[in-house]
């Protein structure tokens, strides 16, 4: 499974690892996402290397993010910019200067950037929306970037499904080898067919039990990258949206 459209690091292959908070049905939406990667240069500044370590934990409206980037082998005492590319454009995360050995360590976090040598991430910024991280020189030339397929990936999100009468949750857990999709809903009509839509496209039909419960343990037509699942809907036979959730 390729997972290279939501986070591509500046210098090399990516390894993703995520922990999961289990929310009770009707509880807060949860998202846990993290990256730990070794970095290699792209040849523009041969011998450059580094690491990226970043985590995003979101529970309801509470968001905590921490990003640490270390780089070595760049030009000594020279200014660079760390940029993040998202679907909405390029975001300047930090302007920094290397030391006399061409090294730099950047610390960024959500909020006011509390801590020594820590920079606040921009308002509205979320790691899960990033498609690329770039280290850019003063001339605007991208010095270190890569489009890579992670060696291993893990991702987990749990969201409440919103409806006028019915209620439920949808949870997605993914690794480099597989994606698990789970949907549970109650308050639907008993013994009735409902259609599952992923990103606006119908992927399958499932039937409730005698108590109006819908349990879906797998889904067809999922994107290769589970982070690209943006919406989940349950519709009745007449095309009415009964339950919906926006992801991630």
Protein backbone atom coordinates (compact mmCIF):
# COMPACT_ATOMS: atom_id res chain seq x y z
CA UNK A 1 0.00 0.00 0.00
CA UNK A 2 1.41 3.36 -1.00
CA UNK A 3 0.96 6.18 1.46
CA UNK A 4 2.85 8.99 -0.18
CA UNK A 5 0.23 11.68 -0.75
CA UNK A 6 -0.23 12.98 2.79
CA UNK A 7 3.26 13.29 4.14
CA UNK A 8 6.48 13.20 2.11
CA UNK A 9 9.62 14.19 3.99
CA UNK A 10 12.39 16.48 2.92
CA UNK A 11 15.26 14.08 2.51
CA UNK A 12 14.30 10.43 2.24
CA UNK A 13 12.23 7.37 3.06
CA UNK A 14 9.48 7.68 5.65
CA UNK A 15 8.42 5.39 8.48
CA UNK A 16 5.06 6.08 10.12
CA UNK A 17 3.83 4.83 13.48
CA UNK A 18 0.57 5.64 15.19
CA UNK A 19 -1.04 4.89 18.53
CA UNK A 20 -4.77 4.67 18.94
CA UNK A 21 -7.11 6.10 21.53
CA UNK A 22 -10.26 4.02 21.81
CA UNK A 23 -13.34 6.20 22.06
CA UNK A 24 -16.69 4.98 23.26
CA UNK A 25 -19.60 5.32 20.80
CA UNK A 26 -20.80 8.90 21.00
CA UNK A 27 -17.50 10.03 22.56
CA UNK A 28 -15.01 12.51 21.17
CA UNK A 29 -13.57 12.02 17.70
CA UNK A 30 -9.96 10.85 17.86
CA UNK A 31 -6.95 11.01 15.56
CA UNK A 32 -3.43 9.83 16.31
CA UNK A 33 -0.73 10.26 13.67
CA UNK A 34 3.06 10.18 13.97
CA UNK A 35 6.21 10.04 11.88
CA UNK A 36 9.75 8.95 12.61
CA UNK A 37 12.11 8.99 9.64
CA UNK A 38 15.76 8.92 8.67
CA UNK A 39 16.66 11.47 6.01
CA UNK A 40 19.02 11.33 3.02
CA UNK A 41 19.94 14.06 0.56
CA UNK A 42 18.62 14.47 -2.98
CA UNK A 43 21.96 15.50 -4.45
CA UNK A 44 21.52 19.27 -4.46
CA UNK A 45 23.68 19.55 -1.36
CA UNK A 46 25.49 16.22 -1.43
CA UNK A 47 26.10 14.70 1.98
CA UNK A 48 23.21 16.42 3.72
CA UNK A 49 21.13 14.25 6.01
CA UNK A 50 18.84 14.44 9.00
CA UNK A 51 15.73 13.23 10.77
CA UNK A 52 12.09 14.19 11.23
CA UNK A 53 10.03 13.18 14.25
CA UNK A 54 6.46 14.45 14.46
CA UNK A 55 3.22 13.58 16.23
CA UNK A 56 -0.36 14.78 16.03
CA UNK A 57 -2.93 13.85 18.69
CA UNK A 58 -6.45 15.23 18.32
CA UNK A 59 -9.31 14.49 20.70
CA UNK A 60 -12.42 16.50 19.95
CA UNK A 61 -11.27 20.12 19.60
CA UNK A 62 -8.06 19.58 21.53
CA UNK A 63 -5.01 19.41 19.25
CA UNK A 64 -1.43 18.65 20.28
CA UNK A 65 1.37 18.56 17.70
CA UNK A 66 5.13 18.34 18.09
CA UNK A 67 7.67 18.42 15.27
CA UNK A 68 11.43 18.04 15.51
CA UNK A 69 13.64 18.34 12.44
CA UNK A 70 17.42 17.92 12.50
CA UNK A 71 19.62 18.51 9.46
CA UNK A 72 23.36 18.15 8.88
CA UNK A 73 25.69 18.60 5.93
CA UNK A 74 24.16 21.87 4.73
CA UNK A 75 26.17 25.03 4.08
CA UNK A 76 27.54 26.50 7.31
CA UNK A 77 26.00 29.67 8.77
CA UNK A 78 23.44 29.89 5.98
CA UNK A 79 19.73 30.69 6.08
CA UNK A 80 17.11 28.14 5.05
CA UNK A 81 13.33 27.77 5.34
CA UNK A 82 11.30 24.74 6.33
CA UNK A 83 8.13 24.64 4.24
CA UNK A 84 5.11 22.34 4.39
CA UNK A 85 3.03 21.72 1.29
CA UNK A 86 -0.69 21.08 1.86
CA UNK A 87 -3.75 20.92 -0.34
CA UNK A 88 -4.29 24.60 0.38
CA UNK A 89 -0.78 25.69 -0.61
CA UNK A 90 2.68 26.12 0.88
CA UNK A 91 3.09 27.05 4.55
CA UNK A 92 6.28 28.60 5.93
CA UNK A 93 6.96 26.72 9.17
CA UNK A 94 10.31 28.16 10.24
CA UNK A 95 13.23 30.24 8.98
CA UNK A 96 16.50 29.00 10.41
CA UNK A 97 20.26 29.39 10.11
CA UNK A 98 22.74 26.52 10.22
CA UNK A 99 25.62 26.60 12.67
CA UNK A 100 29.32 26.67 11.80
CA UNK A 101 29.15 22.96 10.98
CA UNK A 102 26.11 23.16 8.67
CA UNK A 103 23.77 21.70 11.29
CA UNK A 104 20.41 22.80 12.69
CA UNK A 105 17.72 21.42 14.98
CA UNK A 106 14.17 22.76 14.76
CA UNK A 107 11.46 22.32 17.39
CA UNK A 108 7.87 23.24 16.50
CA UNK A 109 4.63 22.64 18.36
CA UNK A 110 0.99 23.63 18.52
CA UNK A 111 0.14 26.75 20.47
CA UNK A 112 2.53 29.44 21.61
CA UNK A 113 5.71 27.42 21.17
CA UNK A 114 6.48 27.14 24.86
CA UNK A 115 10.00 25.93 25.53
CA UNK A 116 13.51 27.00 24.69
CA UNK A 117 14.15 27.40 20.96
CA UNK A 118 10.63 26.22 20.14
CA UNK A 119 8.52 27.76 17.37
CA UNK A 120 4.71 27.76 17.29
CA UNK A 121 3.05 25.97 14.39
CA UNK A 122 0.66 28.21 12.40
CA UNK A 123 -2.99 28.36 13.44
CA UNK A 124 -5.03 25.76 11.56
CA UNK A 125 -1.98 23.68 10.62
CA UNK A 126 -2.35 19.89 10.90
CA UNK A 127 0.31 17.33 10.09
CA UNK A 128 -2.17 14.92 8.58
CA UNK A 129 -2.89 17.48 5.80
CA UNK A 130 0.76 17.77 4.72
CA UNK A 131 1.80 16.35 1.37
CA UNK A 132 5.46 17.39 1.46
CA UNK A 133 8.12 19.03 3.63
CA UNK A 134 10.89 21.06 1.94
CA UNK A 135 14.09 22.74 3.08
CA UNK A 136 14.45 25.75 0.81
CA UNK A 137 17.48 27.98 0.25
CA UNK A 138 17.48 31.76 0.08
CA UNK A 139 17.12 31.71 -3.70
CA UNK A 140 13.88 29.75 -3.40
CA UNK A 141 15.40 26.57 -4.76
CA UNK A 142 14.20 23.40 -3.08
CA UNK A 143 17.37 21.85 -1.73
CA UNK A 144 16.11 18.69 -0.11
CA UNK A 145 12.87 16.99 -1.00
CA UNK A 146 11.68 13.53 -1.98
CA UNK A 147 8.61 11.67 -3.19
CA UNK A 148 8.87 8.36 -1.39
CA UNK A 149 6.83 5.34 -0.40
CA UNK A 150 7.13 4.64 3.32
CA UNK A 151 8.66 1.34 4.34
CA UNK A 152 5.92 0.94 6.94
CA UNK A 153 2.78 2.89 7.74
CA UNK A 154 0.18 2.98 10.46
CA UNK A 155 -2.79 5.29 10.76
CA UNK A 156 -5.85 5.35 12.97
CA UNK A 157 -8.90 7.58 13.10
CA UNK A 158 -12.27 7.19 14.82
CA UNK A 159 -15.16 9.55 14.06
CA UNK A 160 -18.77 9.79 15.12
CA UNK A 161 -21.37 9.39 12.39
CA UNK A 162 -23.92 12.22 12.48
CA UNK A 163 -27.61 11.66 11.75
CA UNK A 164 -31.04 12.97 12.72
CA UNK A 165 -32.26 9.68 14.19
CA UNK A 166 -29.54 7.06 13.86
CA UNK A 167 -26.08 7.21 15.44
CA UNK A 168 -22.81 5.38 15.00
CA UNK A 169 -19.04 5.45 14.61
CA UNK A 170 -16.58 4.72 11.83
CA UNK A 171 -13.02 3.61 12.51
CA UNK A 172 -10.13 3.08 10.12
CA UNK A 173 -6.87 1.37 11.02
CA UNK A 174 -4.18 0.97 8.40
CA UNK A 175 -0.70 -0.45 8.03
CA UNK A 176 1.57 -0.89 5.03
CA UNK A 177 -0.06 -4.26 4.35
CA UNK A 178 -3.76 -3.70 4.95
CA UNK A 179 -6.55 -1.29 5.81
CA UNK A 180 -9.28 -2.24 8.28
CA UNK A 181 -12.63 -0.47 8.02
CA UNK A 182 -15.26 -0.78 10.74
CA UNK A 183 -18.65 0.93 10.92
CA UNK A 184 -21.27 0.46 13.63
CA UNK A 185 -24.66 2.17 13.64
CA UNK A 186 -27.90 1.92 15.58
CA UNK A 187 -31.39 3.39 15.22
CA UNK A 188 -31.87 2.35 11.59
CA UNK A 189 -34.85 0.46 10.14
CA UNK A 190 -34.73 -3.27 10.85
CA UNK A 191 -33.85 -5.77 8.09
CA UNK A 192 -33.28 -2.96 5.59
CA UNK A 193 -30.61 -2.38 2.94
CA UNK A 194 -28.40 0.69 3.28
CA UNK A 195 -25.72 1.92 0.88
CA UNK A 196 -22.19 2.80 1.97
CA UNK A 197 -20.54 5.75 0.22
CA UNK A 198 -16.81 6.54 0.40
CA UNK A 199 -15.73 9.97 -0.89
CA UNK A 200 -19.11 10.35 -2.58
CA UNK A 201 -19.02 7.02 -4.42
CA UNK A 202 -21.20 4.04 -3.51
CA UNK A 203 -19.00 1.06 -2.72
CA UNK A 204 -21.42 -1.55 -1.32
CA UNK A 205 -24.80 -2.35 0.23
CA UNK A 206 -25.31 -3.84 3.70
CA UNK A 207 -28.41 -4.95 5.61
CA UNK A 208 -29.37 -4.09 9.17
CA UNK A 209 -30.34 -6.79 11.66
CA UNK A 210 -33.74 -7.25 13.33
CA UNK A 211 -32.91 -4.47 15.81
CA UNK A 212 -31.93 -1.89 13.23
CA UNK A 213 -28.20 -2.26 13.82
CA UNK A 214 -25.71 -1.97 10.99
CA UNK A 215 -22.29 -3.57 11.36
CA UNK A 216 -19.76 -3.29 8.54
CA UNK A 217 -16.39 -4.95 9.12
CA UNK A 218 -14.86 -4.33 5.70
CA UNK A 219 -15.40 -1.99 2.77
CA UNK A 220 -14.71 -2.22 -0.93
CA UNK A 221 -13.20 0.51 -3.07
CA UNK A 222 -11.06 2.16 -0.41
CA UNK A 223 -8.31 4.50 -1.69
CA UNK A 224 -4.77 3.02 -1.63
CA UNK A 225 -3.88 5.70 0.90
CA UNK A 226 -6.38 5.55 3.81
CA UNK A 227 -5.64 9.17 4.71
CA UNK A 228 -7.34 10.04 1.40
CA UNK A 229 -10.69 8.85 2.80
CA UNK A 230 -12.38 12.22 3.25
CA UNK A 231 -16.03 11.30 3.78
CA UNK A 232 -18.19 8.34 4.79
CA UNK A 233 -21.96 8.25 4.29
CA UNK A 234 -24.75 5.76 4.90
CA UNK A 235 -27.68 6.34 2.56
CA UNK A 236 -31.07 4.66 2.34
CA UNK A 237 -32.50 3.18 -0.85
CA UNK A 238 -33.96 6.56 -1.81
CA UNK A 239 -30.58 8.30 -1.75
CA UNK A 240 -31.17 10.10 1.53
CA UNK A 241 -28.09 10.57 3.71
CA UNK A 242 -28.89 8.92 7.04
CA UNK A 243 -25.44 9.08 8.62
CA UNK A 244 -22.25 10.92 7.65
CA UNK A 245 -18.76 11.76 8.85
CA UNK A 246 -15.95 13.91 7.49
CA UNK A 247 -12.41 12.50 7.83
CA UNK A 248 -9.75 12.67 9.07
